[in-house]
């Protein structure tokens, strides 16, 4: 990407979401387009990271496994675990 003089473009960042104790932590995340989010399953059983609108889906994440997603379109993406319907999170991309 090019930037005009005095206008520096921010490099993409990486964020980590822990999946443990049957919840996503942090449950709400605000990021920029192009940022990477890494979910790490710290529970002893599998989980998924599945957007309500299916914009992203990790598939089954075994214990101690991780999955990453690079954000694309701006918007708010509620997500949850397909195996455990009480688990919810929200990703907002600006």
PDB file of N, CA and C in Angstrom:
ATOM      1  N   UNK A   1       0.832  -1.183   0.000  1.00  0.00           N
ATOM      2  CA  UNK A   1       0.000   0.000   0.000  1.00  0.00           C
ATOM      3  C   UNK A   1       0.874   1.242   0.000  1.00  0.00           C
ATOM      4  N   UNK A   2       0.388   2.254  -0.634  1.00  0.00           N
ATOM      5  CA  UNK A   2       1.104   3.520  -0.674  1.00  0.00           C
ATOM      6  C   UNK A   2       0.463   4.509   0.275  1.00  0.00           C
ATOM      7  N   UNK A   3       1.281   5.381   0.836  1.00  0.00           N
ATOM      8  CA  UNK A   3       0.773   6.424   1.724  1.00  0.00           C
ATOM      9  C   UNK A   3       1.330   7.750   1.254  1.00  0.00           C
ATOM     10  N   UNK A   4       0.525   8.785   1.350  1.00  0.00           N
ATOM     11  CA  UNK A   4       1.006  10.107   0.989  1.00  0.00           C
ATOM     12  C   UNK A   4       1.917  10.628   2.093  1.00  0.00           C
ATOM     13  N   UNK A   5       2.714  11.638   1.784  1.00  0.00           N
ATOM     14  CA  UNK A   5       3.635  12.201   2.758  1.00  0.00           C
ATOM     15  C   UNK A   5       2.877  12.615   4.013  1.00  0.00           C
ATOM     16  N   UNK A   6       3.378  12.190   5.167  1.00  0.00           N
ATOM     17  CA  UNK A   6       2.746  12.537   6.427  1.00  0.00           C
ATOM     18  C   UNK A   6       1.565  11.652   6.795  1.00  0.00           C
ATOM     19  N   UNK A   7       1.194  10.721   5.918  1.00  0.00           N
ATOM     20  CA  UNK A   7       0.067   9.832   6.197  1.00  0.00           C
ATOM     21  C   UNK A   7       0.584   8.396   6.190  1.00  0.00           C
ATOM     22  N   UNK A   8       0.907   7.869   7.361  1.00  0.00           N
ATOM     23  CA  UNK A   8       1.472   6.535   7.479  1.00  0.00           C
ATOM     24  C   UNK A   8       0.345   5.536   7.711  1.00  0.00           C
ATOM     25  N   UNK A   9       0.344   4.452   6.947  1.00  0.00           N
ATOM     26  CA  UNK A   9      -0.661   3.415   7.121  1.00  0.00           C
ATOM     27  C   UNK A   9      -0.216   2.467   8.232  1.00  0.00           C
ATOM     28  N   UNK A  10      -1.132   2.138   9.113  1.00  0.00           N
ATOM     29  CA  UNK A  10      -0.822   1.248  10.223  1.00  0.00           C
ATOM     30  C   UNK A  10      -0.669  -0.180   9.713  1.00  0.00           C
ATOM     31  N   UNK A  11       0.331  -0.868  10.240  1.00  0.00           N
ATOM     32  CA  UNK A  11       0.550  -2.270   9.890  1.00  0.00           C
ATOM     33  C   UNK A  11      -0.549  -3.115  10.538  1.00  0.00           C
ATOM     34  N   UNK A  12      -0.914  -4.220   9.917  1.00  0.00           N
ATOM     35  CA  UNK A  12      -1.909  -5.099  10.531  1.00  0.00           C
ATOM     36  C   UNK A  12      -1.433  -5.590  11.904  1.00  0.00           C
ATOM     37  N   UNK A  13      -2.388  -5.793  12.792  1.00  0.00           N
ATOM     38  CA  UNK A  13      -2.081  -6.288  14.128  1.00  0.00           C
ATOM     39  C   UNK A  13      -2.613  -7.697  14.292  1.00  0.00           C
ATOM     40  N   UNK A  14      -2.117  -8.396  15.318  1.00  0.00           N
ATOM     41  CA  UNK A  14      -2.595  -9.728  15.660  1.00  0.00           C
ATOM     42  C   UNK A  14      -3.215  -9.678  17.047  1.00  0.00           C
ATOM     43  N   UNK A  15      -4.396 -10.242  17.172  1.00  0.00           N
ATOM     44  CA  UNK A  15      -5.126 -10.306  18.438  1.00  0.00           C
ATOM     45  C   UNK A  15      -5.324 -11.765  18.804  1.00  0.00           C
ATOM     46  N   UNK A  16      -5.317 -12.068  20.105  1.00  0.00           N
ATOM     47  CA  UNK A  16      -5.513 -13.436  20.579  1.00  0.00           C
ATOM     48  C   UNK A  16      -6.781 -13.495  21.414  1.00  0.00           C
ATOM     49  N   UNK A  17      -7.605 -14.504  21.113  1.00  0.00           N
ATOM     50  CA  UNK A  17      -8.814 -14.771  21.890  1.00  0.00           C
ATOM     51  C   UNK A  17      -8.655 -16.159  22.500  1.00  0.00           C
ATOM     52  N   UNK A  18      -8.728 -16.227  23.828  1.00  0.00           N
ATOM     53  CA  UNK A  18      -8.657 -17.516  24.513  1.00  0.00           C
ATOM     54  C   UNK A  18     -10.044 -18.142  24.529  1.00  0.00           C
ATOM     55  N   UNK A  19     -10.090 -19.429  24.256  1.00  0.00           N
ATOM     56  CA  UNK A  19     -11.333 -20.185  24.361  1.00  0.00           C
ATOM     57  C   UNK A  19     -11.143 -21.097  25.569  1.00  0.00           C
ATOM     58  N   UNK A  20     -11.734 -20.689  26.698  1.00  0.00           N
ATOM     59  CA  UNK A  20     -11.567 -21.480  27.917  1.00  0.00           C
ATOM     60  C   UNK A  20     -12.722 -21.223  28.875  1.00  0.00           C
ATOM     61  N   UNK A  21     -12.960 -22.207  29.721  1.00  0.00           N
ATOM     62  CA  UNK A  21     -14.066 -22.130  30.679  1.00  0.00           C
ATOM     63  C   UNK A  21     -15.390 -21.864  29.971  1.00  0.00           C
ATOM     64  N   UNK A  22     -15.550 -22.461  28.790  1.00  0.00           N
ATOM     65  CA  UNK A  22     -16.787 -22.366  28.010  1.00  0.00           C
ATOM     66  C   UNK A  22     -17.126 -20.933  27.615  1.00  0.00           C
ATOM     67  N   UNK A  23     -16.087 -20.127  27.301  1.00  0.00           N
ATOM     68  CA  UNK A  23     -16.336 -18.760  26.833  1.00  0.00           C
ATOM     69  C   UNK A  23     -15.162 -18.284  25.982  1.00  0.00           C
ATOM     70  N   UNK A  24     -15.414 -17.210  25.225  1.00  0.00           N
ATOM     71  CA  UNK A  24     -14.393 -16.534  24.433  1.00  0.00           C
ATOM     72  C   UNK A  24     -13.914 -15.333  25.244  1.00  0.00           C
ATOM     73  N   UNK A  25     -12.596 -15.172  25.359  1.00  0.00           N
ATOM     74  CA  UNK A  25     -12.059 -14.071  26.153  1.00  0.00           C
ATOM     75  C   UNK A  25     -10.926 -13.377  25.402  1.00  0.00           C
ATOM     76  N   UNK A  26     -11.122 -12.113  24.973  1.00  0.00           N
ATOM     77  CA  UNK A  26     -12.297 -11.281  25.223  1.00  0.00           C
ATOM     78  C   UNK A  26     -13.472 -11.712  24.344  1.00  0.00           C
ATOM     79  N   UNK A  27     -14.671 -11.447  24.842  1.00  0.00           N
ATOM     80  CA  UNK A  27     -15.880 -11.824  24.107  1.00  0.00           C
ATOM     81  C   UNK A  27     -16.172 -10.847  22.976  1.00  0.00           C
ATOM     82  N   UNK A  28     -15.725  -9.613  23.118  1.00  0.00           N
ATOM     83  CA  UNK A  28     -15.941  -8.581  22.102  1.00  0.00           C
ATOM     84  C   UNK A  28     -14.593  -8.038  21.664  1.00  0.00           C
ATOM     85  N   UNK A  29     -14.408  -7.941  20.357  1.00  0.00           N
ATOM     86  CA  UNK A  29     -13.137  -7.471  19.814  1.00  0.00           C
ATOM     87  C   UNK A  29     -13.407  -6.501  18.679  1.00  0.00           C
ATOM     88  N   UNK A  30     -12.708  -5.348  18.696  1.00  0.00           N
ATOM     89  CA  UNK A  30     -12.809  -4.341  17.632  1.00  0.00           C
ATOM     90  C   UNK A  30     -11.461  -4.260  16.931  1.00  0.00           C
ATOM     91  N   UNK A  31     -11.453  -4.494  15.629  1.00  0.00           N
ATOM     92  CA  UNK A  31     -10.210  -4.558  14.867  1.00  0.00           C
ATOM     93  C   UNK A  31     -10.337  -3.790  13.555  1.00  0.00           C
ATOM     94  N   UNK A  32      -9.222  -3.696  12.831  1.00  0.00           N
ATOM     95  CA  UNK A  32      -9.215  -3.072  11.504  1.00  0.00           C
ATOM     96  C   UNK A  32      -9.203  -4.160  10.436  1.00  0.00           C
ATOM     97  N   UNK A  33      -9.619  -3.783   9.236  1.00  0.00           N
ATOM     98  CA  UNK A  33      -9.503  -4.713   8.102  1.00  0.00           C
ATOM     99  C   UNK A  33      -8.044  -5.081   7.927  1.00  0.00           C
ATOM    100  N   UNK A  34      -7.782  -6.352   7.701  1.00  0.00           N
ATOM    101  CA  UNK A  34      -6.421  -6.835   7.516  1.00  0.00           C
ATOM    102  C   UNK A  34      -5.772  -7.350   8.788  1.00  0.00           C
ATOM    103  N   UNK A  35      -6.386  -7.097   9.962  1.00  0.00           N
ATOM    104  CA  UNK A  35      -5.838  -7.624  11.210  1.00  0.00           C
ATOM    105  C   UNK A  35      -6.079  -9.126  11.282  1.00  0.00           C
ATOM    106  N   UNK A  36      -5.250  -9.806  12.067  1.00  0.00           N
ATOM    107  CA  UNK A  36      -5.364 -11.254  12.270  1.00  0.00           C
ATOM    108  C   UNK A  36      -5.853 -11.518  13.685  1.00  0.00           C
ATOM    109  N   UNK A  37      -6.824 -12.434  13.802  1.00  0.00           N
ATOM    110  CA  UNK A  37      -7.292 -12.871  15.100  1.00  0.00           C
ATOM    111  C   UNK A  37      -6.928 -14.347  15.226  1.00  0.00           C
ATOM    112  N   UNK A  38      -6.337 -14.705  16.373  1.00  0.00           N
ATOM    113  CA  UNK A  38      -5.968 -16.094  16.646  1.00  0.00           C
ATOM    114  C   UNK A  38      -6.784 -16.556  17.843  1.00  0.00           C
ATOM    115  N   UNK A  39      -7.586 -17.597  17.663  1.00  0.00           N
ATOM    116  CA  UNK A  39      -8.328 -18.213  18.755  1.00  0.00           C
ATOM    117  C   UNK A  39      -7.542 -19.434  19.207  1.00  0.00           C
ATOM    118  N   UNK A  40      -7.329 -19.557  20.515  1.00  0.00           N
ATOM    119  CA  UNK A  40      -6.594 -20.684  21.086  1.00  0.00           C
ATOM    120  C   UNK A  40      -7.522 -21.431  22.034  1.00  0.00           C
ATOM    121  N   UNK A  41      -7.744 -22.719  21.758  1.00  0.00           N
ATOM    122  CA  UNK A  41      -8.622 -23.533  22.600  1.00  0.00           C
ATOM    123  C   UNK A  41      -7.841 -24.040  23.808  1.00  0.00           C
ATOM    124  N   UNK A  42      -8.139 -23.475  24.983  1.00  0.00           N
ATOM    125  CA  UNK A  42      -7.465 -23.869  26.219  1.00  0.00           C
ATOM    126  C   UNK A  42      -8.322 -24.808  27.063  1.00  0.00           C
ATOM    127  N   UNK A  43      -9.488 -25.210  26.528  1.00  0.00           N
ATOM    128  CA  UNK A  43     -10.324 -26.190  27.209  1.00  0.00           C
ATOM    129  C   UNK A  43      -9.832 -27.592  26.884  1.00  0.00           C
ATOM    130  N   UNK A  44     -10.378 -28.583  27.576  1.00  0.00           N
ATOM    131  CA  UNK A  44      -9.962 -29.977  27.377  1.00  0.00           C
ATOM    132  C   UNK A  44     -10.786 -30.690  26.310  1.00  0.00           C
ATOM    133  N   UNK A  45     -11.711 -29.970  25.679  1.00  0.00           N
ATOM    134  CA  UNK A  45     -12.594 -30.569  24.677  1.00  0.00           C
ATOM    135  C   UNK A  45     -12.713 -29.612  23.498  1.00  0.00           C
ATOM    136  N   UNK A  46     -13.182 -30.091  22.342  1.00  0.00           N
ATOM    137  CA  UNK A  46     -13.228 -29.264  21.136  1.00  0.00           C
ATOM    138  C   UNK A  46     -14.270 -28.158  21.185  1.00  0.00           C
ATOM    139  N   UNK A  47     -13.991 -27.113  20.415  1.00  0.00           N
ATOM    140  CA  UNK A  47     -14.894 -25.986  20.200  1.00  0.00           C
ATOM    141  C   UNK A  47     -14.807 -25.595  18.734  1.00  0.00           C
ATOM    142  N   UNK A  48     -15.710 -24.715  18.294  1.00  0.00           N
ATOM    143  CA  UNK A  48     -15.594 -24.088  16.988  1.00  0.00           C
ATOM    144  C   UNK A  48     -15.656 -22.580  17.171  1.00  0.00           C
ATOM    145  N   UNK A  49     -15.224 -21.867  16.161  1.00  0.00           N
ATOM    146  CA  UNK A  49     -15.380 -20.418  16.071  1.00  0.00           C
ATOM    147  C   UNK A  49     -16.150 -20.204  14.770  1.00  0.00           C
ATOM    148  N   UNK A  50     -17.455 -19.997  14.890  1.00  0.00           N
ATOM    149  CA  UNK A  50     -18.319 -19.979  13.722  1.00  0.00           C
ATOM    150  C   UNK A  50     -19.161 -18.703  13.701  1.00  0.00           C
ATOM    151  N   UNK A  51     -18.968 -17.882  12.671  1.00  0.00           N
ATOM    152  CA  UNK A  51     -19.760 -16.657  12.528  1.00  0.00           C
ATOM    153  C   UNK A  51     -21.216 -17.019  12.282  1.00  0.00           C
ATOM    154  N   UNK A  52     -22.118 -16.246  12.884  1.00  0.00           N
ATOM    155  CA  UNK A  52     -23.549 -16.493  12.707  1.00  0.00           C
ATOM    156  C   UNK A  52     -23.935 -16.490  11.233  1.00  0.00           C
ATOM    157  N   UNK A  53     -23.285 -15.615  10.427  1.00  0.00           N
ATOM    158  CA  UNK A  53     -23.601 -15.532   8.995  1.00  0.00           C
ATOM    159  C   UNK A  53     -22.678 -16.416   8.149  1.00  0.00           C
ATOM    160  N   UNK A  54     -21.867 -17.234   8.822  1.00  0.00           N
ATOM    161  CA  UNK A  54     -20.939 -18.181   8.179  1.00  0.00           C
ATOM    162  C   UNK A  54     -19.804 -17.489   7.414  1.00  0.00           C
ATOM    163  N   UNK A  55     -19.508 -16.231   7.744  1.00  0.00           N
ATOM    164  CA  UNK A  55     -18.395 -15.515   7.103  1.00  0.00           C
ATOM    165  C   UNK A  55     -17.064 -16.190   7.421  1.00  0.00           C
ATOM    166  N   UNK A  56     -16.992 -16.840   8.569  1.00  0.00           N
ATOM    167  CA  UNK A  56     -15.804 -17.624   8.933  1.00  0.00           C
ATOM    168  C   UNK A  56     -16.231 -18.799   9.799  1.00  0.00           C
ATOM    169  N   UNK A  57     -15.443 -19.857   9.723  1.00  0.00           N
ATOM    170  CA  UNK A  57     -15.730 -21.068  10.504  1.00  0.00           C
ATOM    171  C   UNK A  57     -14.435 -21.846  10.670  1.00  0.00           C
ATOM    172  N   UNK A  58     -14.049 -22.059  11.903  1.00  0.00           N
ATOM    173  CA  UNK A  58     -12.791 -22.747  12.194  1.00  0.00           C
ATOM    174  C   UNK A  58     -12.871 -24.250  11.987  1.00  0.00           C
ATOM    175  N   UNK A  59     -14.075 -24.797  11.974  1.00  0.00           N
ATOM    176  CA  UNK A  59     -14.195 -26.239  12.078  1.00  0.00           C
ATOM    177  C   UNK A  59     -13.876 -26.624  13.513  1.00  0.00           C
ATOM    178  N   UNK A  60     -13.763 -27.894  13.789  1.00  0.00           N
ATOM    179  CA  UNK A  60     -13.516 -28.361  15.147  1.00  0.00           C
ATOM    180  C   UNK A  60     -12.086 -28.052  15.577  1.00  0.00           C
ATOM    181  N   UNK A  61     -11.954 -27.344  16.703  1.00  0.00           N
ATOM    182  CA  UNK A  61     -10.639 -27.027  17.273  1.00  0.00           C
ATOM    183  C   UNK A  61     -10.408 -27.933  18.474  1.00  0.00           C
ATOM    184  N   UNK A  62      -9.463 -28.836  18.378  1.00  0.00           N
ATOM    185  CA  UNK A  62      -9.146 -29.740  19.481  1.00  0.00           C
ATOM    186  C   UNK A  62      -8.525 -28.961  20.639  1.00  0.00           C
ATOM    187  N   UNK A  63      -8.442 -29.594  21.787  1.00  0.00           N
ATOM    188  CA  UNK A  63      -7.775 -28.990  22.943  1.00  0.00           C
ATOM    189  C   UNK A  63      -6.360 -28.587  22.552  1.00  0.00           C
ATOM    190  N   UNK A  64      -5.948 -27.407  22.968  1.00  0.00           N
ATOM    191  CA  UNK A  64      -4.620 -26.837  22.703  1.00  0.00           C
ATOM    192  C   UNK A  64      -4.370 -26.456  21.248  1.00  0.00           C
ATOM    193  N   UNK A  65      -5.386 -26.535  20.405  1.00  0.00           N
ATOM    194  CA  UNK A  65      -5.229 -26.137  19.002  1.00  0.00           C
ATOM    195  C   UNK A  65      -5.569 -24.657  18.858  1.00  0.00           C
ATOM    196  N   UNK A  66      -5.124 -24.066  17.744  1.00  0.00           N
ATOM    197  CA  UNK A  66      -5.451 -22.668  17.463  1.00  0.00           C
ATOM    198  C   UNK A  66      -5.905 -22.545  16.009  1.00  0.00           C
ATOM    199  N   UNK A  67      -6.576 -21.434  15.744  1.00  0.00           N
ATOM    200  CA  UNK A  67      -7.051 -21.127  14.394  1.00  0.00           C
ATOM    201  C   UNK A  67      -6.984 -19.623  14.219  1.00  0.00           C
ATOM    202  N   UNK A  68      -6.565 -19.187  13.040  1.00  0.00           N
ATOM    203  CA  UNK A  68      -6.483 -17.743  12.816  1.00  0.00           C
ATOM    204  C   UNK A  68      -7.318 -17.337  11.608  1.00  0.00           C
ATOM    205  N   UNK A  69      -7.711 -16.067  11.639  1.00  0.00           N
ATOM    206  CA  UNK A  69      -8.552 -15.490  10.598  1.00  0.00           C
ATOM    207  C   UNK A  69      -8.071 -14.070  10.344  1.00  0.00           C
ATOM    208  N   UNK A  70      -7.877 -13.724   9.072  1.00  0.00           N
ATOM    209  CA  UNK A  70      -7.515 -12.364   8.693  1.00  0.00           C
ATOM    210  C   UNK A  70      -8.780 -11.669   8.239  1.00  0.00           C
ATOM    211  N   UNK A  71      -9.086 -10.532   8.873  1.00  0.00           N
ATOM    212  CA  UNK A  71     -10.335  -9.840   8.598  1.00  0.00           C
ATOM    213  C   UNK A  71     -10.355  -9.238   7.203  1.00  0.00           C
ATOM    214  N   UNK A  72     -11.551  -9.214   6.632  1.00  0.00           N
ATOM    215  CA  UNK A  72     -11.736  -8.654   5.298  1.00  0.00           C
ATOM    216  C   UNK A  72     -12.717  -7.502   5.310  1.00  0.00           C
ATOM    217  N   UNK A  73     -13.986  -7.811   5.118  1.00  0.00           N
ATOM    218  CA  UNK A  73     -15.021  -6.780   5.025  1.00  0.00           C
ATOM    219  C   UNK A  73     -15.345  -6.162   6.379  1.00  0.00           C
ATOM    220  N   UNK A  74     -15.590  -4.846   6.346  1.00  0.00           N
ATOM    221  CA  UNK A  74     -16.020  -4.147   7.552  1.00  0.00           C
ATOM    222  C   UNK A  74     -17.416  -4.618   7.952  1.00  0.00           C
ATOM    223  N   UNK A  75     -17.682  -4.620   9.243  1.00  0.00           N
ATOM    224  CA  UNK A  75     -18.984  -5.010   9.754  1.00  0.00           C
ATOM    225  C   UNK A  75     -18.852  -5.633  11.126  1.00  0.00           C
ATOM    226  N   UNK A  76     -19.990  -6.018  11.680  1.00  0.00           N
ATOM    227  CA  UNK A  76     -20.008  -6.695  12.976  1.00  0.00           C
ATOM    228  C   UNK A  76     -20.407  -8.139  12.740  1.00  0.00           C
ATOM    229  N   UNK A  77     -19.625  -9.041  13.308  1.00  0.00           N
ATOM    230  CA  UNK A  77     -19.799 -10.466  13.090  1.00  0.00           C
ATOM    231  C   UNK A  77     -19.990 -11.184  14.426  1.00  0.00           C
ATOM    232  N   UNK A  78     -21.235 -11.403  14.832  1.00  0.00           N
ATOM    233  CA  UNK A  78     -21.458 -12.239  16.009  1.00  0.00           C
ATOM    234  C   UNK A  78     -21.020 -13.665  15.670  1.00  0.00           C
ATOM    235  N   UNK A  79     -20.450 -14.361  16.644  1.00  0.00           N
ATOM    236  CA  UNK A  79     -20.019 -15.737  16.401  1.00  0.00           C
ATOM    237  C   UNK A  79     -20.229 -16.574  17.655  1.00  0.00           C
ATOM    238  N   UNK A  80     -20.073 -17.856  17.502  1.00  0.00           N
ATOM    239  CA  UNK A  80     -20.233 -18.749  18.637  1.00  0.00           C
ATOM    240  C   UNK A  80     -19.571 -20.079  18.367  1.00  0.00           C
ATOM    241  N   UNK A  81     -19.826 -21.010  19.282  1.00  0.00           N
ATOM    242  CA  UNK A  81     -19.329 -22.381  19.146  1.00  0.00           C
ATOM    243  C   UNK A  81     -20.490 -23.254  18.692  1.00  0.00           C
ATOM    244  N   UNK A  82     -20.324 -23.956  17.603  1.00  0.00           N
ATOM    245  CA  UNK A  82     -21.386 -24.823  17.079  1.00  0.00           C
ATOM    246  C   UNK A  82     -21.720 -25.962  18.043  1.00  0.00           C
ATOM    247  N   UNK A  83     -20.746 -26.372  18.847  1.00  0.00           N
ATOM    248  CA  UNK A  83     -20.957 -27.477  19.782  1.00  0.00           C
ATOM    249  C   UNK A  83     -21.626 -27.017  21.078  1.00  0.00           C
ATOM    250  N   UNK A  84     -21.440 -25.756  21.428  1.00  0.00           N
ATOM    251  CA  UNK A  84     -21.915 -25.232  22.712  1.00  0.00           C
ATOM    252  C   UNK A  84     -22.662 -23.912  22.475  1.00  0.00           C
ATOM    253  N   UNK A  85     -23.975 -23.978  22.275  1.00  0.00           N
ATOM    254  CA  UNK A  85     -24.745 -22.789  21.885  1.00  0.00           C
ATOM    255  C   UNK A  85     -24.784 -21.658  22.911  1.00  0.00           C
ATOM    256  N   UNK A  86     -24.300 -21.881  24.115  1.00  0.00           N
ATOM    257  CA  UNK A  86     -24.271 -20.792  25.100  1.00  0.00           C
ATOM    258  C   UNK A  86     -23.020 -19.939  24.967  1.00  0.00           C
ATOM    259  N   UNK A  87     -22.082 -20.337  24.132  1.00  0.00           N
ATOM    260  CA  UNK A  87     -20.840 -19.577  23.938  1.00  0.00           C
ATOM    261  C   UNK A  87     -21.016 -18.567  22.807  1.00  0.00           C
ATOM    262  N   UNK A  88     -20.759 -17.282  23.102  1.00  0.00           N
ATOM    263  CA  UNK A  88     -20.951 -16.227  22.115  1.00  0.00           C
ATOM    264  C   UNK A  88     -19.797 -15.227  22.165  1.00  0.00           C
ATOM    265  N   UNK A  89     -19.495 -14.661  21.005  1.00  0.00           N
ATOM    266  CA  UNK A  89     -18.522 -13.588  20.894  1.00  0.00           C
ATOM    267  C   UNK A  89     -18.954 -12.644  19.777  1.00  0.00           C
ATOM    268  N   UNK A  90     -18.229 -11.536  19.644  1.00  0.00           N
ATOM    269  CA  UNK A  90     -18.548 -10.588  18.585  1.00  0.00           C
ATOM    270  C   UNK A  90     -17.258  -9.946  18.075  1.00  0.00           C
ATOM    271  N   UNK A  91     -17.116  -9.928  16.772  1.00  0.00           N
ATOM    272  CA  UNK A  91     -15.964  -9.332  16.109  1.00  0.00           C
ATOM    273  C   UNK A  91     -16.469  -8.158  15.275  1.00  0.00           C
ATOM    274  N   UNK A  92     -15.958  -6.959  15.561  1.00  0.00           N
ATOM    275  CA  UNK A  92     -16.309  -5.770  14.771  1.00  0.00           C
ATOM    276  C   UNK A  92     -15.089  -5.347  13.979  1.00  0.00           C
ATOM    277  N   UNK A  93     -15.245  -5.264  12.665  1.00  0.00           N
ATOM    278  CA  UNK A  93     -14.163  -4.889  11.756  1.00  0.00           C
ATOM    279  C   UNK A  93     -14.481  -3.507  11.197  1.00  0.00           C
ATOM    280  N   UNK A  94     -13.554  -2.557  11.339  1.00  0.00           N
ATOM    281  CA  UNK A  94     -13.772  -1.211  10.817  1.00  0.00           C
ATOM    282  C   UNK A  94     -12.905  -0.960   9.616  1.00  0.00           C
TER     283      UNK A  94
END
